[in-house]
Amino acid sequence: MENEPFYVFEYENEVIGMCRLDFGFKTKEQYEVSILVNPDQRSKGIGTKILEMSCTSFFTLLPIDSIIARVKKDNFVSIKLFENAGFSLQGAVDEFLHFEKYSN
């Protein structure tokens, strides 16, 4: 069975966001994170908290050294989100920026 964790976050019985970890686009040893925040909850810092909590859990759950993220170059909100959650810019390919966060 493959491990690809998926978390749904709720507050006061309302879904405020989700975060999942998928096998990376290069190998199954590399995982890529995706996050979605309820539009009603944006600009409140919730995305950063969801991403930080999820990454902490992923690193505890799986024997991995890092998590990657791909963000479109013009998605300035997501770029700021990943930077705020401790991801470092690693480079760019086509229209995507590549970020990575390492386990502590």
C-alpha atoms as a PDB file:
ATOM      1  CA  MET A   1       0.000   0.000   0.000  1.00  0.00           C
ATOM      2  CA  GLU A   2       1.258   3.460  -0.900  1.00  0.00           C
ATOM      3  CA  ASN A   3       1.471   6.286   1.662  1.00  0.00           C
ATOM      4  CA  GLU A   4       0.099   9.576   0.391  1.00  0.00           C
ATOM      5  CA  PRO A   5      -1.317  11.403   3.443  1.00  0.00           C
ATOM      6  CA  PHE A   6      -4.302  13.722   3.085  1.00  0.00           C
ATOM      7  CA  TYR A   7      -5.552  16.055   5.814  1.00  0.00           C
ATOM      8  CA  VAL A   8      -8.788  18.025   6.030  1.00  0.00           C
ATOM      9  CA  PHE A   9      -8.884  20.923   8.485  1.00  0.00           C
ATOM     10  CA  GLU A  10     -12.105  22.073  10.125  1.00  0.00           C
ATOM     11  CA  TYR A  11     -12.995  24.916  12.435  1.00  0.00           C
ATOM     12  CA  GLU A  12     -16.418  25.172  14.057  1.00  0.00           C
ATOM     13  CA  ASN A  13     -17.766  22.418  11.768  1.00  0.00           C
ATOM     14  CA  GLU A  14     -16.608  24.213   8.612  1.00  0.00           C
ATOM     15  CA  VAL A  15     -13.893  22.917   6.301  1.00  0.00           C
ATOM     16  CA  ILE A  16     -11.220  25.618   6.197  1.00  0.00           C
ATOM     17  CA  GLY A  17      -8.603  23.803   4.133  1.00  0.00           C
ATOM     18  CA  MET A  18      -6.820  20.659   3.095  1.00  0.00           C
ATOM     19  CA  CYS A  19      -3.292  19.505   2.548  1.00  0.00           C
ATOM     20  CA  ARG A  20      -2.005  16.386   0.851  1.00  0.00           C
ATOM     21  CA  LEU A  21       1.311  14.784   0.076  1.00  0.00           C
ATOM     22  CA  ASP A  22       1.723  13.060  -3.301  1.00  0.00           C
ATOM     23  CA  PHE A  23       4.580  11.090  -4.717  1.00  0.00           C
ATOM     24  CA  GLY A  24       6.816  13.613  -6.434  1.00  0.00           C
ATOM     25  CA  PHE A  25       6.919  14.171 -10.134  1.00  0.00           C
ATOM     26  CA  LYS A  26      10.386  12.586 -10.422  1.00  0.00           C
ATOM     27  CA  THR A  27      10.510   9.591  -8.088  1.00  0.00           C
ATOM     28  CA  LYS A  28       8.558   7.857  -5.351  1.00  0.00           C
ATOM     29  CA  GLU A  29      11.311   8.858  -2.911  1.00  0.00           C
ATOM     30  CA  GLN A  30      10.334  12.489  -3.358  1.00  0.00           C
ATOM     31  CA  TYR A  31       7.030  13.872  -2.098  1.00  0.00           C
ATOM     32  CA  GLU A  32       5.192  16.951  -3.329  1.00  0.00           C
ATOM     33  CA  VAL A  33       2.807  18.937  -1.138  1.00  0.00           C
ATOM     34  CA  SER A  34      -0.467  20.516  -2.251  1.00  0.00           C
ATOM     35  CA  ILE A  35      -2.610  22.852  -0.196  1.00  0.00           C
ATOM     36  CA  LEU A  36      -6.061  24.352  -0.619  1.00  0.00           C
ATOM     37  CA  VAL A  37      -7.611  26.974   1.659  1.00  0.00           C
ATOM     38  CA  ASN A  38     -11.323  27.776   1.722  1.00  0.00           C
ATOM     39  CA  PRO A  39     -11.732  31.125  -0.103  1.00  0.00           C
ATOM     40  CA  ASP A  40     -13.641  32.504   2.913  1.00  0.00           C
ATOM     41  CA  GLN A  41     -10.581  31.812   5.099  1.00  0.00           C
ATOM     42  CA  ARG A  42      -7.853  33.346   2.946  1.00  0.00           C
ATOM     43  CA  SER A  43      -5.650  36.239   4.119  1.00  0.00           C
ATOM     44  CA  LYS A  44      -5.959  35.138   7.757  1.00  0.00           C
ATOM     45  CA  GLY A  45      -2.697  33.169   8.066  1.00  0.00           C
ATOM     46  CA  ILE A  46      -4.584  29.884   8.092  1.00  0.00           C
ATOM     47  CA  GLY A  47      -2.767  28.547   5.034  1.00  0.00           C
ATOM     48  CA  THR A  48       0.617  28.907   6.724  1.00  0.00           C
ATOM     49  CA  LYS A  49      -0.648  27.129   9.847  1.00  0.00           C
ATOM     50  CA  ILE A  50      -2.176  24.302   7.788  1.00  0.00           C
ATOM     51  CA  LEU A  51       1.034  23.885   5.802  1.00  0.00           C
ATOM     52  CA  GLU A  52       3.295  23.967   8.866  1.00  0.00           C
ATOM     53  CA  MET A  53       1.129  21.482  10.796  1.00  0.00           C
ATOM     54  CA  SER A  54       0.886  19.175   7.803  1.00  0.00           C
ATOM     55  CA  CYS A  55       4.631  19.198   7.112  1.00  0.00           C
ATOM     56  CA  THR A  56       5.390  18.450  10.766  1.00  0.00           C
ATOM     57  CA  SER A  57       3.017  15.498  10.595  1.00  0.00           C
ATOM     58  CA  PHE A  58       4.389  14.294   7.242  1.00  0.00           C
ATOM     59  CA  PHE A  59       7.956  14.310   8.543  1.00  0.00           C
ATOM     60  CA  THR A  60       6.851  12.377  11.638  1.00  0.00           C
ATOM     61  CA  LEU A  61       4.772   9.889   9.651  1.00  0.00           C
ATOM     62  CA  LEU A  62       7.134   9.157   6.767  1.00  0.00           C
ATOM     63  CA  PRO A  63      10.889   8.492   6.557  1.00  0.00           C
ATOM     64  CA  ILE A  64      11.596  11.438   4.241  1.00  0.00           C
ATOM     65  CA  ASP A  65      14.235  14.164   4.295  1.00  0.00           C
ATOM     66  CA  SER A  66      12.368  16.855   2.387  1.00  0.00           C
ATOM     67  CA  ILE A  67       9.101  17.914   0.811  1.00  0.00           C
ATOM     68  CA  ILE A  68       8.884  19.752  -2.489  1.00  0.00           C
ATOM     69  CA  ALA A  69       6.346  22.202  -3.883  1.00  0.00           C
ATOM     70  CA  ARG A  70       5.775  23.605  -7.359  1.00  0.00           C
ATOM     71  CA  VAL A  71       4.215  27.064  -7.624  1.00  0.00           C
ATOM     72  CA  LYS A  72       3.367  29.055 -10.731  1.00  0.00           C
ATOM     73  CA  LYS A  73       5.706  32.032 -11.076  1.00  0.00           C
ATOM     74  CA  ASP A  74       2.814  34.499 -11.084  1.00  0.00           C
ATOM     75  CA  ASN A  75       1.081  33.051  -7.997  1.00  0.00           C
ATOM     76  CA  PHE A  76       2.507  35.554  -5.545  1.00  0.00           C
ATOM     77  CA  VAL A  77       0.171  34.547  -2.702  1.00  0.00           C
ATOM     78  CA  SER A  78       1.321  30.901  -2.854  1.00  0.00           C
ATOM     79  CA  ILE A  79       4.962  31.928  -3.156  1.00  0.00           C
ATOM     80  CA  LYS A  80       4.621  33.941   0.068  1.00  0.00           C
ATOM     81  CA  LEU A  81       2.757  31.052   1.735  1.00  0.00           C
ATOM     82  CA  PHE A  82       5.540  28.547   1.064  1.00  0.00           C
ATOM     83  CA  GLU A  83       8.247  31.012   2.084  1.00  0.00           C
ATOM     84  CA  ASN A  84       6.387  31.743   5.355  1.00  0.00           C
ATOM     85  CA  ALA A  85       6.121  27.995   6.026  1.00  0.00           C
ATOM     86  CA  GLY A  86       9.897  27.509   5.776  1.00  0.00           C
ATOM     87  CA  PHE A  87      10.253  26.355   2.166  1.00  0.00           C
ATOM     88  CA  SER A  88      13.327  27.526   0.234  1.00  0.00           C
ATOM     89  CA  LEU A  89      13.346  28.405  -3.441  1.00  0.00           C
ATOM     90  CA  GLN A  90      15.430  25.835  -5.348  1.00  0.00           C
ATOM     91  CA  GLY A  91      15.004  27.043  -8.922  1.00  0.00           C
ATOM     92  CA  ALA A  92      12.540  27.329 -11.774  1.00  0.00           C
ATOM     93  CA  VAL A  93      11.441  25.183 -14.688  1.00  0.00           C
ATOM     94  CA  ASP A  94       9.124  26.611 -17.323  1.00  0.00           C
ATOM     95  CA  GLU A  95       6.365  28.558 -15.537  1.00  0.00           C
ATOM     96  CA  PHE A  96       6.942  26.898 -12.139  1.00  0.00           C
ATOM     97  CA  LEU A  97       9.121  27.787  -9.181  1.00  0.00           C
ATOM     98  CA  HIS A  98      10.415  24.827  -7.182  1.00  0.00           C
ATOM     99  CA  PHE A  99      10.520  25.008  -3.392  1.00  0.00           C
ATOM    100  CA  GLU A 100      11.788  22.522  -0.837  1.00  0.00           C
ATOM    101  CA  LYS A 101      11.480  22.119   2.921  1.00  0.00           C
ATOM    102  CA  TYR A 102      13.842  19.888   4.860  1.00  0.00           C
ATOM    103  CA  SER A 103      13.042  17.904   7.994  1.00  0.00           C
ATOM    104  CA  ASN A 104      14.676  19.220  11.158  1.00  0.00           C
END
